[in-house]
Amino acid sequence: QVQFVESGGGLVEPGGSLKVSCVASRSDFSSYTMGWYRQAPGKHRDLVARITSAGITTYSVDSVKGRFTISRDNAKKTGNLQMDSLKPEDTAVYYCNPAPQAVWDWGQGTQVTFSS
């Protein structure tokens, strides 16, 4: 059973912006602290940022601070990650899941790739 779907990734140039989103089908979405994770080629999946149900945010990767903004809309069961001033090292598949423990099955993620 698909519990949520990520979208919004794509091809971007350095310095560009993208917004990735996650829409959940679960009725208990608002009870979870939600996180955005990313997995770069050949690397582990890492937690990038998380946001509590009340909107308190934490950024776990120093390099994204000031560039990425996590948000959520509990009524729409949606989580977002606005990514600005993108860098080639941001290339990864981006996933959402509760945080800091990813207790849901992983979705397909959404790919962010840099154009050369």
C-alpha atoms as a PDB file:
ATOM      1  CA  GLN A   1       0.000   0.000   0.000  1.00  0.00           C
ATOM      2  CA  VAL A   2       1.446   3.342  -1.054  1.00  0.00           C
ATOM      3  CA  GLN A   3       1.471   5.626   1.958  1.00  0.00           C
ATOM      4  CA  PHE A   4       2.859   8.735   0.305  1.00  0.00           C
ATOM      5  CA  VAL A   5       4.194   9.942  -3.025  1.00  0.00           C
ATOM      6  CA  GLU A   6       7.158  12.234  -3.601  1.00  0.00           C
ATOM      7  CA  SER A   7       7.333  14.560  -6.601  1.00  0.00           C
ATOM      8  CA  GLY A   8       8.972  17.703  -7.895  1.00  0.00           C
ATOM      9  CA  GLY A   9      12.477  16.595  -8.715  1.00  0.00           C
ATOM     10  CA  GLY A  10      14.087  17.244 -12.053  1.00  0.00           C
ATOM     11  CA  LEU A  11      17.007  18.646 -13.956  1.00  0.00           C
ATOM     12  CA  VAL A  12      18.473  21.858 -12.596  1.00  0.00           C
ATOM     13  CA  GLU A  13      21.438  24.137 -13.185  1.00  0.00           C
ATOM     14  CA  PRO A  14      23.805  25.157 -10.387  1.00  0.00           C
ATOM     15  CA  GLY A  15      22.263  28.038  -8.487  1.00  0.00           C
ATOM     16  CA  GLY A  16      18.782  27.014  -9.501  1.00  0.00           C
ATOM     17  CA  SER A  17      15.772  26.133  -7.357  1.00  0.00           C
ATOM     18  CA  LEU A  18      13.423  23.200  -7.012  1.00  0.00           C
ATOM     19  CA  LYS A  19      10.612  22.345  -4.663  1.00  0.00           C
ATOM     20  CA  VAL A  20      10.012  18.714  -3.846  1.00  0.00           C
ATOM     21  CA  SER A  21       6.765  17.611  -2.273  1.00  0.00           C
ATOM     22  CA  CYS A  22       5.361  14.602  -0.507  1.00  0.00           C
ATOM     23  CA  VAL A  23       1.653  13.832  -0.295  1.00  0.00           C
ATOM     24  CA  ALA A  24       0.574  11.262   2.267  1.00  0.00           C
ATOM     25  CA  SER A  25      -2.465   9.040   2.180  1.00  0.00           C
ATOM     26  CA  ARG A  26      -2.262   8.274   5.878  1.00  0.00           C
ATOM     27  CA  SER A  27      -4.843   9.883   8.136  1.00  0.00           C
ATOM     28  CA  ASP A  28      -2.288  10.185  10.968  1.00  0.00           C
ATOM     29  CA  PHE A  29       0.167  12.298   8.942  1.00  0.00           C
ATOM     30  CA  SER A  30      -0.099  15.253  11.311  1.00  0.00           C
ATOM     31  CA  SER A  31       1.003  13.185  14.290  1.00  0.00           C
ATOM     32  CA  TYR A  32       4.473  12.571  12.850  1.00  0.00           C
ATOM     33  CA  THR A  33       7.588  14.685  12.723  1.00  0.00           C
ATOM     34  CA  MET A  34       8.314  14.528   9.002  1.00  0.00           C
ATOM     35  CA  GLY A  35      11.712  14.420   7.430  1.00  0.00           C
ATOM     36  CA  TRP A  36      13.333  14.804   4.064  1.00  0.00           C
ATOM     37  CA  TYR A  37      16.148  12.405   3.336  1.00  0.00           C
ATOM     38  CA  ARG A  38      18.457  12.133   0.372  1.00  0.00           C
ATOM     39  CA  GLN A  39      20.647   9.468  -1.121  1.00  0.00           C
ATOM     40  CA  ALA A  40      23.450  10.464  -3.423  1.00  0.00           C
ATOM     41  CA  PRO A  41      24.921   7.920  -5.851  1.00  0.00           C
ATOM     42  CA  GLY A  42      27.015   5.392  -3.985  1.00  0.00           C
ATOM     43  CA  LYS A  43      26.242   6.880  -0.581  1.00  0.00           C
ATOM     44  CA  HIS A  44      23.989   6.186   2.368  1.00  0.00           C
ATOM     45  CA  ARG A  45      20.596   7.795   2.723  1.00  0.00           C
ATOM     46  CA  ASP A  46      20.879  10.758   5.090  1.00  0.00           C
ATOM     47  CA  LEU A  47      18.347  12.876   6.915  1.00  0.00           C
ATOM     48  CA  VAL A  48      18.492  16.428   5.548  1.00  0.00           C
ATOM     49  CA  ALA A  49      15.806  18.220   7.523  1.00  0.00           C
ATOM     50  CA  ARG A  50      12.801  17.533   9.689  1.00  0.00           C
ATOM     51  CA  ILE A  51       9.734  19.426  10.857  1.00  0.00           C
ATOM     52  CA  THR A  52       7.498  18.697  13.816  1.00  0.00           C
ATOM     53  CA  SER A  53       3.729  18.718  13.612  1.00  0.00           C
ATOM     54  CA  ALA A  54       3.812  22.201  15.137  1.00  0.00           C
ATOM     55  CA  GLY A  55       6.268  23.460  12.530  1.00  0.00           C
ATOM     56  CA  ILE A  56       9.560  23.433  14.432  1.00  0.00           C
ATOM     57  CA  THR A  57      12.347  22.778  11.961  1.00  0.00           C
ATOM     58  CA  THR A  58      15.779  21.202  12.241  1.00  0.00           C
ATOM     59  CA  TYR A  59      18.371  20.984   9.485  1.00  0.00           C
ATOM     60  CA  SER A  60      20.721  18.056   9.883  1.00  0.00           C
ATOM     61  CA  VAL A  61      23.117  18.826   7.047  1.00  0.00           C
ATOM     62  CA  ASP A  62      25.200  21.981   7.522  1.00  0.00           C
ATOM     63  CA  SER A  63      25.590  22.565   3.809  1.00  0.00           C
ATOM     64  CA  VAL A  64      21.849  23.048   3.272  1.00  0.00           C
ATOM     65  CA  LYS A  65      21.308  25.565   6.060  1.00  0.00           C
ATOM     66  CA  GLY A  66      20.194  28.865   4.592  1.00  0.00           C
ATOM     67  CA  ARG A  67      19.462  27.247   1.220  1.00  0.00           C
ATOM     68  CA  PHE A  68      16.750  24.663   1.969  1.00  0.00           C
ATOM     69  CA  THR A  69      13.425  25.316   3.666  1.00  0.00           C
ATOM     70  CA  ILE A  70      11.229  22.530   4.964  1.00  0.00           C
ATOM     71  CA  SER A  71       7.506  23.074   5.466  1.00  0.00           C
ATOM     72  CA  ARG A  72       4.293  21.139   5.846  1.00  0.00           C
ATOM     73  CA  ASP A  73       0.526  21.498   5.520  1.00  0.00           C
ATOM     74  CA  ASN A  74      -1.176  19.089   7.884  1.00  0.00           C
ATOM     75  CA  ALA A  75      -4.636  19.728   6.432  1.00  0.00           C
ATOM     76  CA  LYS A  76      -3.396  18.704   2.990  1.00  0.00           C
ATOM     77  CA  LYS A  77      -1.138  15.961   4.405  1.00  0.00           C
ATOM     78  CA  THR A  78       1.717  17.453   2.436  1.00  0.00           C
ATOM     79  CA  GLY A  79       5.377  18.049   3.146  1.00  0.00           C
ATOM     80  CA  ASN A  80       7.641  20.278   1.089  1.00  0.00           C
ATOM     81  CA  LEU A  81      11.325  21.007   0.725  1.00  0.00           C
ATOM     82  CA  GLN A  82      12.171  24.232  -1.073  1.00  0.00           C
ATOM     83  CA  MET A  83      15.728  24.034  -2.359  1.00  0.00           C
ATOM     84  CA  ASP A  84      17.475  27.214  -3.485  1.00  0.00           C
ATOM     85  CA  SER A  85      21.003  27.963  -4.625  1.00  0.00           C
ATOM     86  CA  LEU A  86      21.383  24.354  -5.577  1.00  0.00           C
ATOM     87  CA  LYS A  87      24.853  22.878  -5.889  1.00  0.00           C
ATOM     88  CA  PRO A  88      26.040  19.817  -7.794  1.00  0.00           C
ATOM     89  CA  GLU A  89      26.607  18.035  -4.485  1.00  0.00           C
ATOM     90  CA  ASP A  90      22.842  18.238  -3.885  1.00  0.00           C
ATOM     91  CA  THR A  91      22.378  15.645  -6.626  1.00  0.00           C
ATOM     92  CA  ALA A  92      20.443  12.792  -5.019  1.00  0.00           C
ATOM     93  CA  VAL A  93      17.169  10.993  -4.776  1.00  0.00           C
ATOM     94  CA  TYR A  94      15.031  12.788  -2.206  1.00  0.00           C
ATOM     95  CA  TYR A  95      12.627  10.898   0.044  1.00  0.00           C
ATOM     96  CA  CYS A  96      10.178  11.794   2.778  1.00  0.00           C
ATOM     97  CA  ASN A  97       9.494   9.704   5.838  1.00  0.00           C
ATOM     98  CA  PRO A  98       8.981  10.324   9.533  1.00  0.00           C
ATOM     99  CA  ALA A  99      12.091  11.483  11.346  1.00  0.00           C
ATOM    100  CA  PRO A 100      14.424  10.915  12.996  1.00  0.00           C
ATOM    101  CA  GLN A 101      13.331   7.293  12.613  1.00  0.00           C
ATOM    102  CA  ALA A 102      11.974   6.387   9.201  1.00  0.00           C
ATOM    103  CA  VAL A 103       9.134   4.147  10.304  1.00  0.00           C
ATOM    104  CA  TRP A 104       7.217   4.049   7.032  1.00  0.00           C
ATOM    105  CA  ASP A 105       8.139   1.972   4.007  1.00  0.00           C
ATOM    106  CA  TRP A 106      10.272   4.022   1.645  1.00  0.00           C
ATOM    107  CA  GLY A 107       8.607   5.500  -1.403  1.00  0.00           C
ATOM    108  CA  GLN A 108      10.134   5.792  -4.850  1.00  0.00           C
ATOM    109  CA  GLY A 109      11.680   9.170  -4.083  1.00  0.00           C
ATOM    110  CA  THR A 110      12.196  12.012  -6.511  1.00  0.00           C
ATOM    111  CA  GLN A 111      15.445  12.548  -8.399  1.00  0.00           C
ATOM    112  CA  VAL A 112      17.316  15.852  -8.441  1.00  0.00           C
ATOM    113  CA  THR A 113      19.954  15.986 -11.154  1.00  0.00           C
ATOM    114  CA  PHE A 114      22.245  18.741 -12.384  1.00  0.00           C
ATOM    115  CA  SER A 115      22.557  19.596 -16.012  1.00  0.00           C
ATOM    116  CA  SER A 116      26.097  19.851 -17.333  1.00  0.00           C
END
